[in-house]
Amino acid sequence: MREIQLRDAKAILSAVVDDAVRGEPSVITRHGRKQAVVMSWAEWERLSTVPSFGRLLMASGLAVDDLPKRSEIPLRDAGF
């Protein structure tokens, strides 16, 4: 992923967008600090629809009885 200064990105914005559409995102920097990323719409949609771990678990179809029971044996003293 290439880095490009904001002032340079302004001058060649069309080329930066064309590169992003071809799958080559760019990091926009300002005063040497990373500020933004230009990526294709398709890539953004793919990344923004990744489900959270909680949603994956909820969608798994597991019922409470499907999970093993926790042991009733007390934990040993760690000696801290």
N, C-alpha and C. Protein backbone atom coordinates (compact mmCIF):
# COMPACT_ATOMS: atom_id res chain seq x y z
N MET A 1 0.86 -1.17 0.00
CA MET A 1 0.00 0.00 0.00
C MET A 1 0.91 1.23 0.00
N ARG A 2 0.66 2.08 -0.94
CA ARG A 2 1.53 3.25 -1.04
C ARG A 2 1.02 4.37 -0.13
N GLU A 3 1.95 5.19 0.30
CA GLU A 3 1.61 6.38 1.08
C GLU A 3 1.80 7.60 0.20
N ILE A 4 0.87 8.52 0.33
CA ILE A 4 0.93 9.73 -0.49
C ILE A 4 0.52 10.92 0.38
N GLN A 5 1.26 12.00 0.25
CA GLN A 5 0.94 13.20 1.03
C GLN A 5 -0.36 13.81 0.53
N LEU A 6 -1.07 14.44 1.42
CA LEU A 6 -2.37 15.01 1.10
C LEU A 6 -2.30 15.99 -0.06
N ARG A 7 -1.31 16.85 -0.06
CA ARG A 7 -1.22 17.85 -1.13
C ARG A 7 -1.00 17.17 -2.48
N ASP A 8 -0.24 16.07 -2.50
CA ASP A 8 -0.03 15.33 -3.75
C ASP A 8 -1.29 14.58 -4.15
N ALA A 9 -2.01 14.03 -3.17
CA ALA A 9 -3.24 13.29 -3.46
C ALA A 9 -4.29 14.22 -4.07
N LYS A 10 -4.33 15.47 -3.60
CA LYS A 10 -5.28 16.43 -4.17
C LYS A 10 -5.00 16.65 -5.66
N ALA A 11 -3.73 16.71 -6.00
CA ALA A 11 -3.36 17.00 -7.37
C ALA A 11 -3.65 15.83 -8.32
N ILE A 12 -3.62 14.60 -7.79
CA ILE A 12 -3.81 13.43 -8.66
C ILE A 12 -4.94 12.54 -8.13
N LEU A 13 -5.99 13.15 -7.62
CA LEU A 13 -7.08 12.39 -7.01
C LEU A 13 -7.67 11.35 -7.95
N SER A 14 -7.86 11.68 -9.20
CA SER A 14 -8.43 10.72 -10.15
C SER A 14 -7.55 9.47 -10.25
N ALA A 15 -6.26 9.65 -10.30
CA ALA A 15 -5.34 8.51 -10.38
C ALA A 15 -5.37 7.69 -9.10
N VAL A 16 -5.47 8.36 -7.95
CA VAL A 16 -5.54 7.65 -6.67
C VAL A 16 -6.81 6.80 -6.61
N VAL A 17 -7.93 7.35 -7.07
CA VAL A 17 -9.19 6.61 -7.09
C VAL A 17 -9.11 5.45 -8.09
N ASP A 18 -8.54 5.69 -9.25
CA ASP A 18 -8.39 4.62 -10.25
C ASP A 18 -7.55 3.46 -9.69
N ASP A 19 -6.48 3.79 -8.99
CA ASP A 19 -5.64 2.76 -8.37
C ASP A 19 -6.44 1.97 -7.33
N ALA A 20 -7.25 2.66 -6.54
CA ALA A 20 -8.06 1.99 -5.52
C ALA A 20 -9.04 1.02 -6.17
N VAL A 21 -9.65 1.43 -7.27
CA VAL A 21 -10.60 0.57 -7.97
C VAL A 21 -9.90 -0.67 -8.51
N ARG A 22 -8.64 -0.53 -8.89
CA ARG A 22 -7.86 -1.68 -9.38
C ARG A 22 -7.32 -2.54 -8.24
N GLY A 23 -7.65 -2.19 -6.99
CA GLY A 23 -7.21 -3.00 -5.85
C GLY A 23 -5.93 -2.53 -5.20
N GLU A 24 -5.53 -1.29 -5.46
CA GLU A 24 -4.32 -0.73 -4.86
C GLU A 24 -4.68 0.46 -3.99
N PRO A 25 -5.04 0.22 -2.72
CA PRO A 25 -5.41 1.33 -1.85
C PRO A 25 -4.21 2.22 -1.53
N SER A 26 -4.48 3.44 -1.14
CA SER A 26 -3.43 4.39 -0.79
C SER A 26 -3.69 4.97 0.60
N VAL A 27 -2.62 5.18 1.34
CA VAL A 27 -2.70 5.84 2.64
C VAL A 27 -2.39 7.31 2.41
N ILE A 28 -3.28 8.17 2.89
CA ILE A 28 -3.07 9.61 2.77
C ILE A 28 -2.44 10.10 4.07
N THR A 29 -1.32 10.81 3.94
CA THR A 29 -0.64 11.34 5.12
C THR A 29 -0.73 12.86 5.13
N ARG A 30 -0.70 13.39 6.35
CA ARG A 30 -0.66 14.84 6.53
C ARG A 30 0.38 15.11 7.61
N HIS A 31 1.37 15.90 7.28
CA HIS A 31 2.47 16.21 8.18
C HIS A 31 3.16 14.93 8.67
N GLY A 32 3.26 13.94 7.76
CA GLY A 32 3.95 12.70 8.08
C GLY A 32 3.14 11.69 8.87
N ARG A 33 1.90 12.01 9.21
CA ARG A 33 1.06 11.09 9.98
C ARG A 33 -0.02 10.51 9.08
N LYS A 34 -0.28 9.22 9.23
CA LYS A 34 -1.33 8.57 8.45
C LYS A 34 -2.68 9.10 8.89
N GLN A 35 -3.48 9.57 7.92
CA GLN A 35 -4.75 10.20 8.23
C GLN A 35 -5.95 9.48 7.63
N ALA A 36 -5.80 8.89 6.46
CA ALA A 36 -6.94 8.28 5.77
C ALA A 36 -6.45 7.22 4.80
N VAL A 37 -7.40 6.40 4.36
CA VAL A 37 -7.12 5.38 3.36
C VAL A 37 -8.14 5.53 2.24
N VAL A 38 -7.66 5.48 1.00
CA VAL A 38 -8.55 5.48 -0.16
C VAL A 38 -8.55 4.05 -0.68
N MET A 39 -9.75 3.43 -0.66
CA MET A 39 -9.89 2.06 -1.16
C MET A 39 -11.14 1.97 -2.00
N SER A 40 -11.28 0.88 -2.73
CA SER A 40 -12.44 0.73 -3.59
C SER A 40 -13.70 0.53 -2.75
N TRP A 41 -14.83 0.86 -3.35
CA TRP A 41 -16.12 0.67 -2.68
C TRP A 41 -16.34 -0.82 -2.38
N ALA A 42 -15.98 -1.69 -3.31
CA ALA A 42 -16.17 -3.12 -3.11
C ALA A 42 -15.37 -3.61 -1.91
N GLU A 43 -14.14 -3.15 -1.78
CA GLU A 43 -13.30 -3.55 -0.64
C GLU A 43 -13.87 -3.02 0.67
N TRP A 44 -14.35 -1.79 0.65
CA TRP A 44 -14.94 -1.21 1.86
C TRP A 44 -16.18 -2.00 2.28
N GLU A 45 -17.03 -2.35 1.32
CA GLU A 45 -18.23 -3.14 1.64
C GLU A 45 -17.85 -4.49 2.22
N ARG A 46 -16.84 -5.13 1.65
CA ARG A 46 -16.39 -6.43 2.14
C ARG A 46 -15.92 -6.33 3.59
N LEU A 47 -15.13 -5.31 3.87
CA LEU A 47 -14.60 -5.15 5.22
C LEU A 47 -15.65 -4.70 6.23
N SER A 48 -16.62 -3.92 5.78
CA SER A 48 -17.61 -3.38 6.71
C SER A 48 -18.70 -4.38 7.05
N THR A 49 -18.81 -5.46 6.31
CA THR A 49 -19.85 -6.44 6.59
C THR A 49 -19.33 -7.67 7.32
N VAL A 50 -18.11 -7.64 7.80
CA VAL A 50 -17.58 -8.75 8.57
C VAL A 50 -18.32 -8.79 9.90
N PRO A 51 -18.98 -9.92 10.20
CA PRO A 51 -19.75 -9.98 11.44
C PRO A 51 -18.85 -10.03 12.67
N SER A 52 -19.38 -9.57 13.78
CA SER A 52 -18.63 -9.64 15.04
C SER A 52 -18.63 -11.08 15.53
N PHE A 53 -17.76 -11.39 16.45
CA PHE A 53 -17.67 -12.74 17.01
C PHE A 53 -18.99 -13.11 17.70
N GLY A 54 -19.58 -12.15 18.40
CA GLY A 54 -20.85 -12.40 19.07
C GLY A 54 -21.96 -12.76 18.09
N ARG A 55 -22.00 -12.05 16.95
CA ARG A 55 -23.03 -12.36 15.95
C ARG A 55 -22.79 -13.73 15.33
N LEU A 56 -21.53 -14.09 15.14
CA LEU A 56 -21.24 -15.42 14.62
C LEU A 56 -21.72 -16.50 15.58
N LEU A 57 -21.48 -16.29 16.87
CA LEU A 57 -21.94 -17.27 17.86
C LEU A 57 -23.46 -17.35 17.89
N MET A 58 -24.13 -16.20 17.84
CA MET A 58 -25.59 -16.20 17.88
C MET A 58 -26.17 -16.89 16.64
N ALA A 59 -25.49 -16.80 15.52
CA ALA A 59 -25.99 -17.39 14.29
C ALA A 59 -25.62 -18.87 14.16
N SER A 60 -24.85 -19.39 15.11
CA SER A 60 -24.36 -20.77 14.99
C SER A 60 -25.45 -21.81 15.15
N GLY A 61 -26.56 -21.47 15.79
CA GLY A 61 -27.62 -22.44 16.00
C GLY A 61 -27.43 -23.31 17.23
N LEU A 62 -26.40 -23.02 18.02
CA LEU A 62 -26.17 -23.78 19.25
C LEU A 62 -27.24 -23.44 20.28
N ALA A 63 -27.70 -24.46 20.99
CA ALA A 63 -28.61 -24.26 22.11
C ALA A 63 -27.82 -24.41 23.40
N VAL A 64 -28.39 -23.97 24.50
CA VAL A 64 -27.71 -24.04 25.80
C VAL A 64 -27.31 -25.48 26.11
N ASP A 65 -28.15 -26.43 25.76
CA ASP A 65 -27.86 -27.83 26.05
C ASP A 65 -26.76 -28.41 25.16
N ASP A 66 -26.38 -27.73 24.10
CA ASP A 66 -25.32 -28.21 23.22
C ASP A 66 -23.93 -28.01 23.82
N LEU A 67 -23.82 -27.11 24.77
CA LEU A 67 -22.53 -26.81 25.36
C LEU A 67 -22.26 -27.73 26.54
N PRO A 68 -20.99 -28.13 26.74
CA PRO A 68 -20.68 -29.01 27.88
C PRO A 68 -20.89 -28.27 29.21
N LYS A 69 -21.24 -29.04 30.23
CA LYS A 69 -21.42 -28.46 31.57
C LYS A 69 -20.07 -28.11 32.16
N ARG A 70 -20.05 -27.04 32.92
CA ARG A 70 -18.81 -26.64 33.60
C ARG A 70 -18.58 -27.54 34.79
N SER A 71 -17.35 -27.79 35.07
CA SER A 71 -16.99 -28.63 36.22
C SER A 71 -17.34 -27.91 37.51
N GLU A 72 -17.86 -28.65 38.46
CA GLU A 72 -18.21 -28.10 39.77
C GLU A 72 -17.03 -28.13 40.74
N ILE A 73 -15.92 -28.75 40.33
CA ILE A 73 -14.74 -28.86 41.19
C ILE A 73 -14.13 -27.46 41.36
N PRO A 74 -13.89 -27.03 42.62
CA PRO A 74 -13.30 -25.71 42.82
C PRO A 74 -11.89 -25.64 42.22
N LEU A 75 -11.52 -24.46 41.79
CA LEU A 75 -10.19 -24.26 41.22
C LEU A 75 -9.14 -24.35 42.32
N ARG A 76 -7.97 -24.80 41.96
CA ARG A 76 -6.90 -24.90 42.95
C ARG A 76 -6.32 -23.53 43.24
N ASP A 77 -5.73 -23.37 44.40
CA ASP A 77 -5.13 -22.10 44.80
C ASP A 77 -3.85 -21.90 43.98
N ALA A 78 -3.74 -20.76 43.33
CA ALA A 78 -2.57 -20.47 42.50
C ALA A 78 -1.39 -20.01 43.33
N GLY A 79 -1.61 -19.64 44.57
CA GLY A 79 -0.52 -19.24 45.45
C GLY A 79 0.00 -17.83 45.23
N PHE A 80 -0.84 -16.97 44.71
CA PHE A 80 -0.38 -15.58 44.49
C PHE A 80 -0.39 -14.83 45.75
